[in-house]
Amino acid sequence: MTRDEIKNVLLEIIKDIDEDVSLHLLKPDKSLRDQLDLDSMDFLDIVMELRRRYKLNIPEGDYLELATLDGCVNYLAPQLKDV
């Protein structure tokens, strides 16, 4: 997957969790939780959906790396490069 494809998947997952979210206002280097008013369960839903779709192992200790959209893409790109 390309970085843009990963970003689009993430945005799709976020939209599935909160269909009223304004994704066009999302700043890629700012906290997703703060920008989207995600609670810990919403964030966990994103992680679980990534695990489900792509059979990824995302340890809880790595969750901080998924705090921003850019962080998510940077973290996932090596794991999804052959998908």
PDB file of N, CA and C in Angstrom:
ATOM      1  N   MET A   1       0.836  -1.185   0.000  1.00  0.00           N
ATOM      2  CA  MET A   1       0.000   0.000   0.000  1.00  0.00           C
ATOM      3  C   MET A   1       0.880   1.246   0.000  1.00  0.00           C
ATOM      4  N   THR A   2       0.408   2.245  -0.686  1.00  0.00           N
ATOM      5  CA  THR A   2       1.116   3.520  -0.667  1.00  0.00           C
ATOM      6  C   THR A   2       0.710   4.299   0.584  1.00  0.00           C
ATOM      7  N   ARG A   3       1.451   5.340   0.863  1.00  0.00           N
ATOM      8  CA  ARG A   3       1.131   6.192   2.017  1.00  0.00           C
ATOM      9  C   ARG A   3      -0.266   6.816   1.848  1.00  0.00           C
ATOM     10  N   ASP A   4      -0.597   7.221   0.638  1.00  0.00           N
ATOM     11  CA  ASP A   4      -1.924   7.806   0.395  1.00  0.00           C
ATOM     12  C   ASP A   4      -3.037   6.776   0.597  1.00  0.00           C
ATOM     13  N   GLU A   5      -2.799   5.547   0.189  1.00  0.00           N
ATOM     14  CA  GLU A   5      -3.798   4.497   0.393  1.00  0.00           C
ATOM     15  C   GLU A   5      -4.001   4.225   1.880  1.00  0.00           C
ATOM     16  N   ILE A   6      -2.906   4.213   2.632  1.00  0.00           N
ATOM     17  CA  ILE A   6      -3.006   4.018   4.081  1.00  0.00           C
ATOM     18  C   ILE A   6      -3.798   5.152   4.707  1.00  0.00           C
ATOM     19  N   LYS A   7      -3.494   6.366   4.297  1.00  0.00           N
ATOM     20  CA  LYS A   7      -4.218   7.530   4.822  1.00  0.00           C
ATOM     21  C   LYS A   7      -5.709   7.418   4.515  1.00  0.00           C
ATOM     22  N   ASN A   8      -6.030   7.013   3.305  1.00  0.00           N
ATOM     23  CA  ASN A   8      -7.436   6.888   2.914  1.00  0.00           C
ATOM     24  C   ASN A   8      -8.151   5.809   3.716  1.00  0.00           C
ATOM     25  N   VAL A   9      -7.464   4.697   3.996  1.00  0.00           N
ATOM     26  CA  VAL A   9      -8.047   3.640   4.822  1.00  0.00           C
ATOM     27  C   VAL A   9      -8.331   4.168   6.223  1.00  0.00           C
ATOM     28  N   LEU A  10      -7.369   4.888   6.779  1.00  0.00           N
ATOM     29  CA  LEU A  10      -7.554   5.459   8.118  1.00  0.00           C
ATOM     30  C   LEU A  10      -8.743   6.415   8.149  1.00  0.00           C
ATOM     31  N   LEU A  11      -8.843   7.263   7.150  1.00  0.00           N
ATOM     32  CA  LEU A  11      -9.960   8.205   7.098  1.00  0.00           C
ATOM     33  C   LEU A  11     -11.294   7.475   6.945  1.00  0.00           C
ATOM     34  N   GLU A  12     -11.292   6.398   6.180  1.00  0.00           N
ATOM     35  CA  GLU A  12     -12.503   5.589   6.026  1.00  0.00           C
ATOM     36  C   GLU A  12     -12.914   4.963   7.354  1.00  0.00           C
ATOM     37  N   ILE A  13     -11.952   4.442   8.084  1.00  0.00           N
ATOM     38  CA  ILE A  13     -12.240   3.837   9.388  1.00  0.00           C
ATOM     39  C   ILE A  13     -12.779   4.895  10.348  1.00  0.00           C
ATOM     40  N   ILE A  14     -12.158   6.064  10.355  1.00  0.00           N
ATOM     41  CA  ILE A  14     -12.613   7.152  11.227  1.00  0.00           C
ATOM     42  C   ILE A  14     -14.035   7.551  10.861  1.00  0.00           C
ATOM     43  N   LYS A  15     -14.309   7.644   9.575  1.00  0.00           N
ATOM     44  CA  LYS A  15     -15.647   8.019   9.109  1.00  0.00           C
ATOM     45  C   LYS A  15     -16.683   6.976   9.519  1.00  0.00           C
ATOM     46  N   ASP A  16     -16.291   5.701   9.502  1.00  0.00           N
ATOM     47  CA  ASP A  16     -17.199   4.634   9.938  1.00  0.00           C
ATOM     48  C   ASP A  16     -17.530   4.758  11.424  1.00  0.00           C
ATOM     49  N   ILE A  17     -16.571   5.222  12.208  1.00  0.00           N
ATOM     50  CA  ILE A  17     -16.769   5.374  13.651  1.00  0.00           C
ATOM     51  C   ILE A  17     -17.632   6.598  13.958  1.00  0.00           C
ATOM     52  N   ASP A  18     -17.377   7.691  13.209  1.00  0.00           N
ATOM     53  CA  ASP A  18     -18.125   8.932  13.427  1.00  0.00           C
ATOM     54  C   ASP A  18     -18.478   9.536  12.074  1.00  0.00           C
ATOM     55  N   GLU A  19     -19.658   9.235  11.592  1.00  0.00           N
ATOM     56  CA  GLU A  19     -20.053   9.681  10.252  1.00  0.00           C
ATOM     57  C   GLU A  19     -20.241  11.189  10.139  1.00  0.00           C
ATOM     58  N   ASP A  20     -20.301  11.887  11.268  1.00  0.00           N
ATOM     59  CA  ASP A  20     -20.478  13.341  11.244  1.00  0.00           C
ATOM     60  C   ASP A  20     -19.161  14.110  11.261  1.00  0.00           C
ATOM     61  N   VAL A  21     -18.051  13.400  11.292  1.00  0.00           N
ATOM     62  CA  VAL A  21     -16.746  14.040  11.397  1.00  0.00           C
ATOM     63  C   VAL A  21     -16.411  14.812  10.114  1.00  0.00           C
ATOM     64  N   SER A  22     -15.734  15.953  10.279  1.00  0.00           N
ATOM     65  CA  SER A  22     -15.306  16.767   9.138  1.00  0.00           C
ATOM     66  C   SER A  22     -13.842  16.456   8.833  1.00  0.00           C
ATOM     67  N   LEU A  23     -13.628  15.481   7.993  1.00  0.00           N
ATOM     68  CA  LEU A  23     -12.269  15.025   7.708  1.00  0.00           C
ATOM     69  C   LEU A  23     -11.437  16.056   6.955  1.00  0.00           C
ATOM     70  N   HIS A  24     -12.077  16.932   6.222  1.00  0.00           N
ATOM     71  CA  HIS A  24     -11.328  17.936   5.452  1.00  0.00           C
ATOM     72  C   HIS A  24     -10.632  18.954   6.368  1.00  0.00           C
ATOM     73  N   LEU A  25     -11.060  19.045   7.619  1.00  0.00           N
ATOM     74  CA  LEU A  25     -10.437  19.970   8.567  1.00  0.00           C
ATOM     75  C   LEU A  25      -9.300  19.313   9.356  1.00  0.00           C
ATOM     76  N   LEU A  26      -9.095  18.035   9.144  1.00  0.00           N
ATOM     77  CA  LEU A  26      -8.114  17.264   9.901  1.00  0.00           C
ATOM     78  C   LEU A  26      -6.686  17.695   9.562  1.00  0.00           C
ATOM     79  N   LYS A  27      -5.931  18.015  10.600  1.00  0.00           N
ATOM     80  CA  LYS A  27      -4.523  18.379  10.427  1.00  0.00           C
ATOM     81  C   LYS A  27      -3.692  17.128  10.697  1.00  0.00           C
ATOM     82  N   PRO A  28      -2.888  16.692   9.720  1.00  0.00           N
ATOM     83  CA  PRO A  28      -2.197  15.406   9.831  1.00  0.00           C
ATOM     84  C   PRO A  28      -1.159  15.314  10.946  1.00  0.00           C
ATOM     85  N   ASP A  29      -0.702  16.452  11.457  1.00  0.00           N
ATOM     86  CA  ASP A  29       0.336  16.424  12.491  1.00  0.00           C
ATOM     87  C   ASP A  29      -0.205  16.727  13.892  1.00  0.00           C
ATOM     88  N   LYS A  30      -1.507  16.819  14.020  1.00  0.00           N
ATOM     89  CA  LYS A  30      -2.145  17.100  15.314  1.00  0.00           C
ATOM     90  C   LYS A  30      -2.852  15.851  15.837  1.00  0.00           C
ATOM     91  N   SER A  31      -3.035  15.776  17.123  1.00  0.00           N
ATOM     92  CA  SER A  31      -3.647  14.620  17.770  1.00  0.00           C
ATOM     93  C   SER A  31      -5.039  14.328  17.205  1.00  0.00           C
ATOM     94  N   LEU A  32      -5.223  13.085  16.777  1.00  0.00           N
ATOM     95  CA  LEU A  32      -6.534  12.667  16.280  1.00  0.00           C
ATOM     96  C   LEU A  32      -7.580  12.741  17.383  1.00  0.00           C
ATOM     97  N   ARG A  33      -7.203  12.315  18.571  1.00  0.00           N
ATOM     98  CA  ARG A  33      -8.158  12.301  19.683  1.00  0.00           C
ATOM     99  C   ARG A  33      -8.655  13.699  19.997  1.00  0.00           C
ATOM    100  N   ASP A  34      -7.749  14.682  19.966  1.00  0.00           N
ATOM    101  CA  ASP A  34      -8.139  16.054  20.267  1.00  0.00           C
ATOM    102  C   ASP A  34      -8.971  16.662  19.143  1.00  0.00           C
ATOM    103  N   GLN A  35      -8.547  16.447  17.917  1.00  0.00           N
ATOM    104  CA  GLN A  35      -9.249  17.044  16.778  1.00  0.00           C
ATOM    105  C   GLN A  35     -10.638  16.455  16.558  1.00  0.00           C
ATOM    106  N   LEU A  36     -10.748  15.164  16.796  1.00  0.00           N
ATOM    107  CA  LEU A  36     -12.001  14.468  16.484  1.00  0.00           C
ATOM    108  C   LEU A  36     -12.828  14.155  17.719  1.00  0.00           C
ATOM    109  N   ASP A  37     -12.332  14.584  18.868  1.00  0.00           N
ATOM    110  CA  ASP A  37     -13.011  14.323  20.131  1.00  0.00           C
ATOM    111  C   ASP A  37     -13.264  12.821  20.309  1.00  0.00           C
ATOM    112  N   LEU A  38     -12.230  12.031  20.007  1.00  0.00           N
ATOM    113  CA  LEU A  38     -12.316  10.581  20.157  1.00  0.00           C
ATOM    114  C   LEU A  38     -12.090  10.210  21.612  1.00  0.00           C
ATOM    115  N   ASP A  39     -12.890   9.304  22.104  1.00  0.00           N
ATOM    116  CA  ASP A  39     -12.600   8.771  23.430  1.00  0.00           C
ATOM    117  C   ASP A  39     -11.718   7.536  23.259  1.00  0.00           C
ATOM    118  N   SER A  40     -11.319   6.942  24.364  1.00  0.00           N
ATOM    119  CA  SER A  40     -10.389   5.815  24.288  1.00  0.00           C
ATOM    120  C   SER A  40     -11.003   4.621  23.558  1.00  0.00           C
ATOM    121  N   MET A  41     -12.293   4.442  23.661  1.00  0.00           N
ATOM    122  CA  MET A  41     -12.953   3.337  22.948  1.00  0.00           C
ATOM    123  C   MET A  41     -12.958   3.574  21.445  1.00  0.00           C
ATOM    124  N   ASP A  42     -13.183   4.813  21.021  1.00  0.00           N
ATOM    125  CA  ASP A  42     -13.134   5.130  19.593  1.00  0.00           C
ATOM    126  C   ASP A  42     -11.735   4.856  19.037  1.00  0.00           C
ATOM    127  N   PHE A  43     -10.727   5.280  19.783  1.00  0.00           N
ATOM    128  CA  PHE A  43      -9.347   5.058  19.354  1.00  0.00           C
ATOM    129  C   PHE A  43      -9.069   3.557  19.270  1.00  0.00           C
ATOM    130  N   LEU A  44      -9.518   2.819  20.255  1.00  0.00           N
ATOM    131  CA  LEU A  44      -9.324   1.380  20.254  1.00  0.00           C
ATOM    132  C   LEU A  44     -10.068   0.728  19.086  1.00  0.00           C
ATOM    133  N   ASP A  45     -11.221   1.259  18.733  1.00  0.00           N
ATOM    134  CA  ASP A  45     -11.963   0.755  17.563  1.00  0.00           C
ATOM    135  C   ASP A  45     -11.137   0.904  16.288  1.00  0.00           C
ATOM    136  N   ILE A  46     -10.426   2.017  16.155  1.00  0.00           N
ATOM    137  CA  ILE A  46      -9.566   2.231  14.985  1.00  0.00           C
ATOM    138  C   ILE A  46      -8.473   1.168  14.951  1.00  0.00           C
ATOM    139  N   VAL A  47      -7.818   0.973  16.083  1.00  0.00           N
ATOM    140  CA  VAL A  47      -6.741  -0.014  16.171  1.00  0.00           C
ATOM    141  C   VAL A  47      -7.274  -1.415  15.877  1.00  0.00           C
ATOM    142  N   MET A  48      -8.400  -1.756  16.441  1.00  0.00           N
ATOM    143  CA  MET A  48      -8.969  -3.092  16.246  1.00  0.00           C
ATOM    144  C   MET A  48      -9.376  -3.315  14.788  1.00  0.00           C
ATOM    145  N   GLU A  49      -9.876  -2.290  14.149  1.00  0.00           N
ATOM    146  CA  GLU A  49     -10.252  -2.420  12.733  1.00  0.00           C
ATOM    147  C   GLU A  49      -9.002  -2.627  11.868  1.00  0.00           C
ATOM    148  N   LEU A  50      -7.923  -1.937  12.176  1.00  0.00           N
ATOM    149  CA  LEU A  50      -6.665  -2.159  11.451  1.00  0.00           C
ATOM    150  C   LEU A  50      -6.175  -3.583  11.657  1.00  0.00           C
ATOM    151  N   ARG A  51      -6.268  -4.060  12.874  1.00  0.00           N
ATOM    152  CA  ARG A  51      -5.879  -5.449  13.165  1.00  0.00           C
ATOM    153  C   ARG A  51      -6.737  -6.426  12.370  1.00  0.00           C
ATOM    154  N   ARG A  52      -8.032  -6.168  12.356  1.00  0.00           N
ATOM    155  CA  ARG A  52      -8.953  -7.076  11.676  1.00  0.00           C
ATOM    156  C   ARG A  52      -8.713  -7.101  10.166  1.00  0.00           C
ATOM    157  N   ARG A  53      -8.627  -5.923   9.575  1.00  0.00           N
ATOM    158  CA  ARG A  53      -8.488  -5.848   8.120  1.00  0.00           C
ATOM    159  C   ARG A  53      -7.163  -6.386   7.610  1.00  0.00           C
ATOM    160  N   TYR A  54      -6.099  -6.093   8.335  1.00  0.00           N
ATOM    161  CA  TYR A  54      -4.762  -6.371   7.801  1.00  0.00           C
ATOM    162  C   TYR A  54      -3.960  -7.353   8.638  1.00  0.00           C
ATOM    163  N   LYS A  55      -4.602  -7.974   9.624  1.00  0.00           N
ATOM    164  CA  LYS A  55      -3.933  -8.973  10.475  1.00  0.00           C
ATOM    165  C   LYS A  55      -2.653  -8.415  11.090  1.00  0.00           C
ATOM    166  N   LEU A  56      -2.737  -7.177  11.547  1.00  0.00           N
ATOM    167  CA  LEU A  56      -1.582  -6.500  12.138  1.00  0.00           C
ATOM    168  C   LEU A  56      -1.506  -6.774  13.628  1.00  0.00           C
ATOM    169  N   ASN A  57      -0.302  -6.817  14.127  1.00  0.00           N
ATOM    170  CA  ASN A  57      -0.074  -6.862  15.558  1.00  0.00           C
ATOM    171  C   ASN A  57       0.385  -5.474  15.973  1.00  0.00           C
ATOM    172  N   ILE A  58      -0.470  -4.757  16.679  1.00  0.00           N
ATOM    173  CA  ILE A  58      -0.140  -3.409  17.144  1.00  0.00           C
ATOM    174  C   ILE A  58      -0.136  -3.454  18.668  1.00  0.00           C
ATOM    175  N   PRO A  59       1.069  -3.571  19.253  1.00  0.00           N
ATOM    176  CA  PRO A  59       1.149  -3.640  20.711  1.00  0.00           C
ATOM    177  C   PRO A  59       0.664  -2.344  21.362  1.00  0.00           C
ATOM    178  N   GLU A  60       0.091  -2.485  22.538  1.00  0.00           N
ATOM    179  CA  GLU A  60      -0.422  -1.322  23.256  1.00  0.00           C
ATOM    180  C   GLU A  60       0.670  -0.264  23.461  1.00  0.00           C
ATOM    181  N   GLY A  61       1.905  -0.694  23.624  1.00  0.00           N
ATOM    182  CA  GLY A  61       3.015   0.230  23.804  1.00  0.00           C
ATOM    183  C   GLY A  61       3.281   1.113  22.589  1.00  0.00           C
ATOM    184  N   ASP A  62       2.741   0.737  21.432  1.00  0.00           N
ATOM    185  CA  ASP A  62       2.935   1.514  20.206  1.00  0.00           C
ATOM    186  C   ASP A  62       1.801   2.497  19.936  1.00  0.00           C
ATOM    187  N   TYR A  63       0.781   2.493  20.767  1.00  0.00           N
ATOM    188  CA  TYR A  63      -0.388   3.337  20.514  1.00  0.00           C
ATOM    189  C   TYR A  63      -0.032   4.820  20.405  1.00  0.00           C
ATOM    190  N   LEU A  64       0.968   5.280  21.149  1.00  0.00           N
ATOM    191  CA  LEU A  64       1.362   6.694  21.070  1.00  0.00           C
ATOM    192  C   LEU A  64       1.819   7.079  19.667  1.00  0.00           C
ATOM    193  N   GLU A  65       2.385   6.111  18.946  1.00  0.00           N
ATOM    194  CA  GLU A  65       2.829   6.386  17.579  1.00  0.00           C
ATOM    195  C   GLU A  65       1.652   6.595  16.636  1.00  0.00           C
ATOM    196  N   LEU A  66       0.468   6.207  17.057  1.00  0.00           N
ATOM    197  CA  LEU A  66      -0.746   6.340  16.248  1.00  0.00           C
ATOM    198  C   LEU A  66      -1.562   7.569  16.637  1.00  0.00           C
ATOM    199  N   ALA A  67      -0.956   8.476  17.352  1.00  0.00           N
ATOM    200  CA  ALA A  67      -1.678   9.634  17.883  1.00  0.00           C
ATOM    201  C   ALA A  67      -2.128  10.616  16.803  1.00  0.00           C
ATOM    202  N   THR A  68      -1.359  10.719  15.726  1.00  0.00           N
ATOM    203  CA  THR A  68      -1.696  11.646  14.646  1.00  0.00           C
ATOM    204  C   THR A  68      -1.892  10.863  13.349  1.00  0.00           C
ATOM    205  N   LEU A  69      -2.492  11.492  12.372  1.00  0.00           N
ATOM    206  CA  LEU A  69      -2.659  10.845  11.072  1.00  0.00           C
ATOM    207  C   LEU A  69      -1.293  10.544  10.457  1.00  0.00           C
ATOM    208  N   ASP A  70      -0.375  11.508  10.512  1.00  0.00           N
ATOM    209  CA  ASP A  70       0.973  11.278   9.995  1.00  0.00           C
ATOM    210  C   ASP A  70       1.664  10.149  10.750  1.00  0.00           C
ATOM    211  N   GLY A  71       1.498  10.128  12.065  1.00  0.00           N
ATOM    212  CA  GLY A  71       2.089   9.076  12.881  1.00  0.00           C
ATOM    213  C   GLY A  71       1.556   7.706  12.491  1.00  0.00           C
ATOM    214  N   CYS A  72       0.264   7.625  12.257  1.00  0.00           N
ATOM    215  CA  CYS A  72      -0.350   6.368  11.827  1.00  0.00           C
ATOM    216  C   CYS A  72       0.247   5.895  10.506  1.00  0.00           C
ATOM    217  N   VAL A  73       0.322   6.795   9.556  1.00  0.00           N
ATOM    218  CA  VAL A  73       0.862   6.439   8.240  1.00  0.00           C
ATOM    219  C   VAL A  73       2.318   6.001   8.369  1.00  0.00           C
ATOM    220  N   ASN A  74       3.109   6.743   9.130  1.00  0.00           N
ATOM    221  CA  ASN A  74       4.520   6.384   9.316  1.00  0.00           C
ATOM    222  C   ASN A  74       4.664   5.020   9.978  1.00  0.00           C
ATOM    223  N   TYR A  75       3.827   4.737  10.949  1.00  0.00           N
ATOM    224  CA  TYR A  75       3.885   3.470  11.664  1.00  0.00           C
ATOM    225  C   TYR A  75       3.428   2.304  10.776  1.00  0.00           C
ATOM    226  N   LEU A  76       2.361   2.523  10.016  1.00  0.00           N
ATOM    227  CA  LEU A  76       1.766   1.444   9.229  1.00  0.00           C
ATOM    228  C   LEU A  76       2.452   1.191   7.892  1.00  0.00           C
ATOM    229  N   ALA A  77       3.102   2.190   7.332  1.00  0.00           N
ATOM    230  CA  ALA A  77       3.694   2.050   5.990  1.00  0.00           C
ATOM    231  C   ALA A  77       4.615   0.838   5.867  1.00  0.00           C
ATOM    232  N   PRO A  78       5.556   0.619   6.781  1.00  0.00           N
ATOM    233  CA  PRO A  78       6.425  -0.562   6.631  1.00  0.00           C
ATOM    234  C   PRO A  78       5.649  -1.884   6.775  1.00  0.00           C
ATOM    235  N   GLN A  79       4.614  -1.888   7.590  1.00  0.00           N
ATOM    236  CA  GLN A  79       3.851  -3.113   7.823  1.00  0.00           C
ATOM    237  C   GLN A  79       2.912  -3.440   6.666  1.00  0.00           C
ATOM    238  N   LEU A  80       2.507  -2.420   5.927  1.00  0.00           N
ATOM    239  CA  LEU A  80       1.537  -2.606   4.846  1.00  0.00           C
ATOM    240  C   LEU A  80       2.152  -2.442   3.458  1.00  0.00           C
ATOM    241  N   LYS A  81       3.462  -2.387   3.375  1.00  0.00           N
ATOM    242  CA  LYS A  81       4.102  -2.112   2.091  1.00  0.00           C
ATOM    243  C   LYS A  81       3.805  -3.182   1.031  1.00  0.00           C
ATOM    244  N   ASP A  82       3.569  -4.407   1.457  1.00  0.00           N
ATOM    245  CA  ASP A  82       3.332  -5.503   0.511  1.00  0.00           C
ATOM    246  C   ASP A  82       1.864  -5.877   0.365  1.00  0.00           C
ATOM    247  N   VAL A  83       0.990  -5.053   0.909  1.00  0.00           N
ATOM    248  CA  VAL A  83      -0.454  -5.355   0.851  1.00  0.00           C
ATOM    249  C   VAL A  83      -1.038  -4.780  -0.424  1.00  0.00           C
TER     250      VAL A  83
END
